[in-house]
Each structure stands twice: as C-alpha cells, then as structure tokens.
N, C-alpha and C. Protein backbone atom coordinates (compact mmCIF):
# COMPACT_ATOMS: atom_id res chain seq x y z
N MET A 1 116.36 -82.23 -138.84
CA MET A 1 115.71 -83.51 -139.09
C MET A 1 116.17 -84.54 -138.05
N ASP A 2 115.25 -85.38 -137.61
CA ASP A 2 115.53 -86.39 -136.61
C ASP A 2 116.29 -87.55 -137.24
N LYS A 3 117.56 -87.71 -136.87
CA LYS A 3 118.38 -88.76 -137.46
C LYS A 3 118.59 -89.94 -136.51
N ARG A 4 117.81 -89.99 -135.40
CA ARG A 4 117.94 -91.13 -134.49
C ARG A 4 117.58 -92.42 -135.22
N ARG A 5 118.35 -93.45 -134.94
CA ARG A 5 118.13 -94.76 -135.56
C ARG A 5 117.36 -95.63 -134.57
N GLY A 6 116.09 -95.89 -134.87
CA GLY A 6 115.27 -96.73 -134.01
C GLY A 6 115.63 -98.20 -134.14
N LEU A 7 115.10 -98.99 -133.23
CA LEU A 7 115.32 -100.43 -133.28
C LEU A 7 114.49 -101.04 -134.40
N PRO A 8 115.05 -101.95 -135.18
CA PRO A 8 114.29 -102.54 -136.28
C PRO A 8 113.28 -103.59 -135.79
N ALA A 9 112.25 -103.79 -136.59
CA ALA A 9 111.28 -104.85 -136.32
C ALA A 9 112.03 -106.17 -136.20
N GLY A 10 111.60 -106.99 -135.27
CA GLY A 10 112.25 -108.29 -135.05
C GLY A 10 113.29 -108.26 -133.94
N THR A 11 113.69 -107.06 -133.49
CA THR A 11 114.65 -106.96 -132.38
C THR A 11 114.04 -107.59 -131.14
N LEU A 12 114.80 -108.41 -130.43
CA LEU A 12 114.35 -109.03 -129.19
C LEU A 12 114.95 -108.28 -128.01
N LEU A 13 114.09 -107.94 -127.05
CA LEU A 13 114.52 -107.25 -125.83
C LEU A 13 114.21 -108.12 -124.63
N SER A 14 115.20 -108.35 -123.79
CA SER A 14 115.01 -109.19 -122.61
C SER A 14 114.62 -108.35 -121.41
N PHE A 15 113.51 -108.69 -120.80
CA PHE A 15 113.05 -108.07 -119.56
C PHE A 15 112.94 -109.18 -118.52
N PRO A 16 112.92 -108.84 -117.25
CA PRO A 16 112.78 -109.90 -116.23
C PRO A 16 111.51 -110.72 -116.48
N GLY A 17 111.68 -112.00 -116.69
CA GLY A 17 110.55 -112.91 -116.86
C GLY A 17 109.98 -113.00 -118.26
N MET A 18 110.47 -112.20 -119.21
CA MET A 18 109.92 -112.28 -120.56
C MET A 18 110.88 -111.66 -121.58
N THR A 19 110.69 -112.07 -122.80
CA THR A 19 111.39 -111.47 -123.93
C THR A 19 110.34 -110.86 -124.84
N CYS A 20 110.53 -109.59 -125.19
CA CYS A 20 109.61 -108.89 -126.09
C CYS A 20 110.26 -108.75 -127.45
N GLU A 21 109.43 -108.82 -128.47
CA GLU A 21 109.86 -108.62 -129.84
C GLU A 21 109.32 -107.28 -130.33
N ILE A 22 110.18 -106.46 -130.94
CA ILE A 22 109.73 -105.21 -131.55
C ILE A 22 108.96 -105.56 -132.82
N VAL A 23 107.74 -105.05 -132.93
CA VAL A 23 106.93 -105.26 -134.12
C VAL A 23 107.10 -104.08 -135.08
N ALA A 24 107.04 -102.86 -134.51
CA ALA A 24 107.16 -101.65 -135.33
C ALA A 24 107.40 -100.45 -134.44
N GLU A 25 107.94 -99.40 -135.02
CA GLU A 25 108.04 -98.13 -134.29
C GLU A 25 106.65 -97.51 -134.28
N SER A 26 106.24 -97.02 -133.11
CA SER A 26 104.91 -96.43 -132.96
C SER A 26 104.95 -94.91 -132.98
N GLY A 27 106.04 -94.33 -132.49
CA GLY A 27 106.16 -92.87 -132.48
C GLY A 27 107.46 -92.45 -131.83
N ARG A 28 107.72 -91.15 -131.89
CA ARG A 28 108.92 -90.61 -131.25
C ARG A 28 108.66 -89.18 -130.84
N GLY A 29 109.31 -88.80 -129.75
CA GLY A 29 109.21 -87.44 -129.24
C GLY A 29 110.58 -86.94 -128.90
N SER A 30 110.65 -85.85 -128.15
CA SER A 30 111.94 -85.24 -127.86
C SER A 30 112.82 -86.09 -126.96
N ASN A 31 112.22 -86.99 -126.14
CA ASN A 31 113.07 -87.76 -125.24
C ASN A 31 112.99 -89.27 -125.42
N ALA A 32 112.16 -89.77 -126.32
CA ALA A 32 112.01 -91.22 -126.42
C ALA A 32 111.52 -91.65 -127.80
N ILE A 33 111.72 -92.94 -128.05
CA ILE A 33 111.10 -93.62 -129.19
C ILE A 33 110.21 -94.69 -128.59
N VAL A 34 109.00 -94.81 -129.12
CA VAL A 34 108.03 -95.79 -128.62
C VAL A 34 107.82 -96.84 -129.70
N TYR A 35 107.79 -98.09 -129.26
CA TYR A 35 107.64 -99.22 -130.17
C TYR A 35 106.40 -100.03 -129.79
N LEU A 36 105.77 -100.63 -130.78
CA LEU A 36 104.79 -101.66 -130.54
C LEU A 36 105.58 -102.95 -130.42
N GLY A 37 105.35 -103.66 -129.32
CA GLY A 37 106.05 -104.91 -129.11
C GLY A 37 105.07 -106.01 -128.76
N ARG A 38 105.59 -107.20 -128.62
CA ARG A 38 104.75 -108.32 -128.23
C ARG A 38 105.60 -109.35 -127.49
N TYR A 39 104.91 -110.15 -126.65
CA TYR A 39 105.58 -111.26 -125.99
C TYR A 39 104.62 -112.44 -125.95
N SER A 40 105.18 -113.63 -125.94
CA SER A 40 104.34 -114.83 -125.97
C SER A 40 103.80 -115.13 -124.58
N ASP A 41 102.58 -115.65 -124.55
CA ASP A 41 101.94 -116.04 -123.30
C ASP A 41 102.61 -117.30 -122.78
N ALA A 42 103.06 -117.27 -121.53
CA ALA A 42 103.78 -118.40 -120.96
C ALA A 42 102.88 -119.62 -120.75
N LEU A 43 101.57 -119.42 -120.64
CA LEU A 43 100.66 -120.53 -120.38
C LEU A 43 99.90 -121.01 -121.60
N ASN A 44 99.71 -120.16 -122.56
CA ASN A 44 98.93 -120.50 -123.76
C ASN A 44 99.80 -120.40 -125.00
N ALA A 45 100.30 -121.52 -125.44
CA ALA A 45 101.19 -121.55 -126.61
C ALA A 45 100.51 -120.91 -127.81
N GLY A 46 101.25 -120.08 -128.53
CA GLY A 46 100.74 -119.44 -129.72
C GLY A 46 99.98 -118.15 -129.47
N GLN A 47 99.77 -117.79 -128.22
CA GLN A 47 99.09 -116.55 -127.88
C GLN A 47 100.12 -115.46 -127.60
N TRP A 48 99.83 -114.25 -128.05
CA TRP A 48 100.74 -113.13 -127.88
C TRP A 48 100.04 -111.98 -127.17
N HIS A 49 100.81 -111.22 -126.41
CA HIS A 49 100.32 -110.01 -125.75
C HIS A 49 101.04 -108.82 -126.37
N ASN A 50 100.28 -107.80 -126.74
CA ASN A 50 100.86 -106.58 -127.31
C ASN A 50 101.18 -105.60 -126.20
N VAL A 51 102.30 -104.92 -126.34
CA VAL A 51 102.74 -103.93 -125.36
C VAL A 51 103.35 -102.74 -126.09
N LEU A 52 103.41 -101.62 -125.39
CA LEU A 52 104.17 -100.47 -125.87
C LEU A 52 105.47 -100.43 -125.08
N ILE A 53 106.56 -100.19 -125.77
CA ILE A 53 107.88 -100.13 -125.14
C ILE A 53 108.45 -98.75 -125.42
N LYS A 54 108.81 -98.05 -124.35
CA LYS A 54 109.34 -96.70 -124.47
C LYS A 54 110.85 -96.73 -124.20
N GLU A 55 111.61 -96.32 -125.19
CA GLU A 55 113.08 -96.31 -125.08
C GLU A 55 113.56 -94.88 -124.87
N LEU A 56 114.29 -94.66 -123.80
CA LEU A 56 114.89 -93.35 -123.56
C LEU A 56 115.96 -93.12 -124.63
N PHE A 57 115.69 -92.15 -125.50
CA PHE A 57 116.62 -91.84 -126.59
C PHE A 57 116.37 -90.39 -126.99
N PRO A 58 116.88 -89.44 -126.19
CA PRO A 58 116.63 -88.02 -126.47
C PRO A 58 117.18 -87.58 -127.82
N TYR A 59 116.48 -86.63 -128.41
CA TYR A 59 116.93 -86.02 -129.66
C TYR A 59 117.94 -84.93 -129.34
N HIS A 60 119.06 -84.92 -130.04
CA HIS A 60 120.08 -83.88 -129.91
C HIS A 60 120.37 -83.33 -131.30
N ASP A 61 120.28 -82.00 -131.44
CA ASP A 61 120.47 -81.36 -132.75
C ASP A 61 121.76 -81.77 -133.46
N ASN A 62 122.84 -81.95 -132.70
CA ASN A 62 124.14 -82.25 -133.30
C ASN A 62 124.47 -83.74 -133.32
N GLY A 63 123.50 -84.57 -132.96
CA GLY A 63 123.75 -86.01 -132.95
C GLY A 63 124.63 -86.47 -131.82
N ALA A 64 124.71 -85.68 -130.73
CA ALA A 64 125.57 -86.03 -129.60
C ALA A 64 124.97 -87.15 -128.75
N ILE A 65 123.74 -87.55 -129.03
CA ILE A 65 123.13 -88.73 -128.44
C ILE A 65 122.79 -89.64 -129.61
N TYR A 66 123.30 -90.86 -129.58
CA TYR A 66 123.23 -91.72 -130.76
C TYR A 66 123.20 -93.19 -130.34
N ARG A 67 122.89 -94.06 -131.28
CA ARG A 67 122.89 -95.50 -131.02
C ARG A 67 124.28 -96.06 -131.36
N SER A 68 124.74 -97.01 -130.55
CA SER A 68 126.05 -97.63 -130.78
C SER A 68 126.06 -98.36 -132.13
N GLU A 69 127.24 -98.67 -132.60
CA GLU A 69 127.39 -99.38 -133.88
C GLU A 69 126.65 -100.72 -133.88
N THR A 70 126.65 -101.41 -132.73
CA THR A 70 125.96 -102.70 -132.64
C THR A 70 124.44 -102.52 -132.56
N GLY A 71 124.00 -101.30 -132.24
CA GLY A 71 122.57 -101.02 -132.15
C GLY A 71 121.95 -101.32 -130.81
N SER A 72 122.75 -101.83 -129.88
CA SER A 72 122.18 -102.29 -128.61
C SER A 72 122.15 -101.23 -127.52
N THR A 73 122.85 -100.12 -127.69
CA THR A 73 122.99 -99.15 -126.61
C THR A 73 122.82 -97.73 -127.14
N VAL A 74 122.14 -96.89 -126.34
CA VAL A 74 122.09 -95.46 -126.63
C VAL A 74 123.28 -94.83 -125.93
N CYS A 75 124.09 -94.09 -126.67
CA CYS A 75 125.33 -93.49 -126.17
C CYS A 75 125.25 -91.97 -126.28
N HIS A 76 126.22 -91.29 -125.68
CA HIS A 76 126.30 -89.84 -125.84
C HIS A 76 127.75 -89.39 -125.72
N THR A 77 128.04 -88.30 -126.38
CA THR A 77 129.34 -87.65 -126.27
C THR A 77 129.31 -86.75 -125.04
N ASP A 78 130.42 -86.12 -124.72
CA ASP A 78 130.46 -85.15 -123.61
C ASP A 78 129.43 -84.04 -123.85
N GLU A 79 129.30 -83.62 -125.10
CA GLU A 79 128.35 -82.56 -125.44
C GLU A 79 126.91 -82.97 -125.12
N GLY A 80 126.60 -84.24 -125.26
CA GLY A 80 125.23 -84.71 -125.04
C GLY A 80 124.94 -85.17 -123.63
N SER A 81 125.94 -85.20 -122.76
CA SER A 81 125.75 -85.78 -121.43
C SER A 81 124.74 -85.02 -120.57
N GLU A 82 124.77 -83.71 -120.59
CA GLU A 82 123.84 -82.92 -119.77
C GLU A 82 122.39 -83.13 -120.24
N LEU A 83 122.17 -83.12 -121.54
CA LEU A 83 120.82 -83.34 -122.07
C LEU A 83 120.34 -84.75 -121.78
N MET A 84 121.23 -85.74 -121.90
CA MET A 84 120.87 -87.12 -121.60
C MET A 84 120.44 -87.26 -120.15
N GLU A 85 121.18 -86.66 -119.24
CA GLU A 85 120.85 -86.75 -117.81
C GLU A 85 119.52 -86.05 -117.51
N LEU A 86 119.29 -84.90 -118.11
CA LEU A 86 118.03 -84.18 -117.92
C LEU A 86 116.85 -85.06 -118.36
N HIS A 87 116.95 -85.68 -119.52
CA HIS A 87 115.87 -86.52 -120.03
C HIS A 87 115.75 -87.82 -119.24
N ARG A 88 116.86 -88.34 -118.75
CA ARG A 88 116.82 -89.55 -117.92
C ARG A 88 116.01 -89.29 -116.65
N ARG A 89 116.28 -88.15 -115.99
CA ARG A 89 115.52 -87.81 -114.77
C ARG A 89 114.05 -87.60 -115.09
N SER A 90 113.75 -86.92 -116.19
CA SER A 90 112.37 -86.68 -116.60
C SER A 90 111.66 -87.99 -116.92
N PHE A 91 112.34 -88.89 -117.59
CA PHE A 91 111.81 -90.20 -117.97
C PHE A 91 111.43 -90.99 -116.72
N ILE A 92 112.35 -91.04 -115.74
CA ILE A 92 112.09 -91.76 -114.49
C ILE A 92 110.95 -91.11 -113.73
N TRP A 93 110.95 -89.79 -113.63
CA TRP A 93 109.90 -89.08 -112.91
C TRP A 93 108.53 -89.38 -113.53
N GLY A 94 108.43 -89.34 -114.85
CA GLY A 94 107.18 -89.62 -115.53
C GLY A 94 106.68 -91.03 -115.28
N ASN A 95 107.58 -92.00 -115.32
CA ASN A 95 107.19 -93.38 -115.05
C ASN A 95 106.74 -93.56 -113.61
N GLU A 96 107.44 -92.92 -112.67
CA GLU A 96 107.04 -93.00 -111.27
C GLU A 96 105.67 -92.36 -111.04
N ALA A 97 105.40 -91.25 -111.71
CA ALA A 97 104.10 -90.59 -111.59
C ALA A 97 102.99 -91.51 -112.09
N HIS A 98 103.21 -92.18 -113.21
CA HIS A 98 102.20 -93.11 -113.73
C HIS A 98 101.98 -94.28 -112.78
N LEU A 99 103.03 -94.79 -112.18
CA LEU A 99 102.88 -95.90 -111.23
C LEU A 99 102.12 -95.46 -109.98
N ARG A 100 102.38 -94.24 -109.49
CA ARG A 100 101.64 -93.72 -108.33
C ARG A 100 100.16 -93.55 -108.67
N LEU A 101 99.86 -93.02 -109.85
CA LEU A 101 98.46 -92.87 -110.26
C LEU A 101 97.77 -94.23 -110.36
N ARG A 102 98.45 -95.19 -110.89
CA ARG A 102 97.87 -96.53 -111.03
C ARG A 102 97.62 -97.15 -109.66
N ALA A 103 98.56 -96.98 -108.72
CA ALA A 103 98.39 -97.54 -107.39
C ALA A 103 97.22 -96.88 -106.66
N ALA A 104 97.05 -95.57 -106.84
CA ALA A 104 95.99 -94.83 -106.16
C ALA A 104 94.63 -95.06 -106.80
N ASN A 105 94.59 -95.25 -108.12
CA ASN A 105 93.32 -95.38 -108.85
C ASN A 105 93.42 -96.45 -109.92
N PRO A 106 93.55 -97.71 -109.55
CA PRO A 106 93.77 -98.76 -110.55
C PRO A 106 92.65 -98.87 -111.58
N ALA A 107 91.44 -98.58 -111.20
CA ALA A 107 90.32 -98.68 -112.15
C ALA A 107 90.31 -97.54 -113.15
N GLU A 108 91.00 -96.46 -112.84
CA GLU A 108 91.01 -95.28 -113.69
C GLU A 108 92.14 -95.28 -114.70
N VAL A 109 93.15 -96.08 -114.46
CA VAL A 109 94.33 -96.05 -115.32
C VAL A 109 94.28 -97.20 -116.31
C-alpha cells in the first residue's frame, strides 16, 4: 500500500515570481505526486490561474523515501538513495523532453 504523505490542501509553494497554493491532490504514480494548484493573477485582483504541480516523490516499498517531519522536504535513507536518484534523472529527462516538444511545436502542445 502507498503510504506516501502528500501535501495538504492550503500548502503554499514558492516559485520564482509566484506563490502557488495546493488545492487538492490530483494523482500519484511510481515517481511523483501531482497536485491541482492555483496562483493569483498579478494584474487582475481576485483572478486565479489553475496549474498542475508535479512533486518528485518516488514510491519505495519499505518507506525508504519519505516526507520530513515538517512536511517540507522529501527525504531518503541510504536504502532509498539509488531509487531516488534513478527517479530524479527520469523526472528531469521527462520535463526536458516536454520542453523540447513545446519549443519545436508550440501549437501542438
């Protein structure tokens, strides 16, 4: 059973130029948890933009990849380090592939 602890609704995440609020968990897979988030429009007060936020948080059978006590960081034991690194590389590669596709075919993505 998947015992990963996702971020609760209302959690604020700071990104360059904006702060996003977690609205709800949208789904989870073997290497990530996806959240529905939102951020306020900087020019139009009271307007919000919805986004999907993907958090690298691989599933490990023995719980060797886990969330810190404060909830702010995904951590791993020595046992989970190899799996975490494998998923980190896969996560980055997937994001880079999507960015290349978008750059090559912006109307298609």
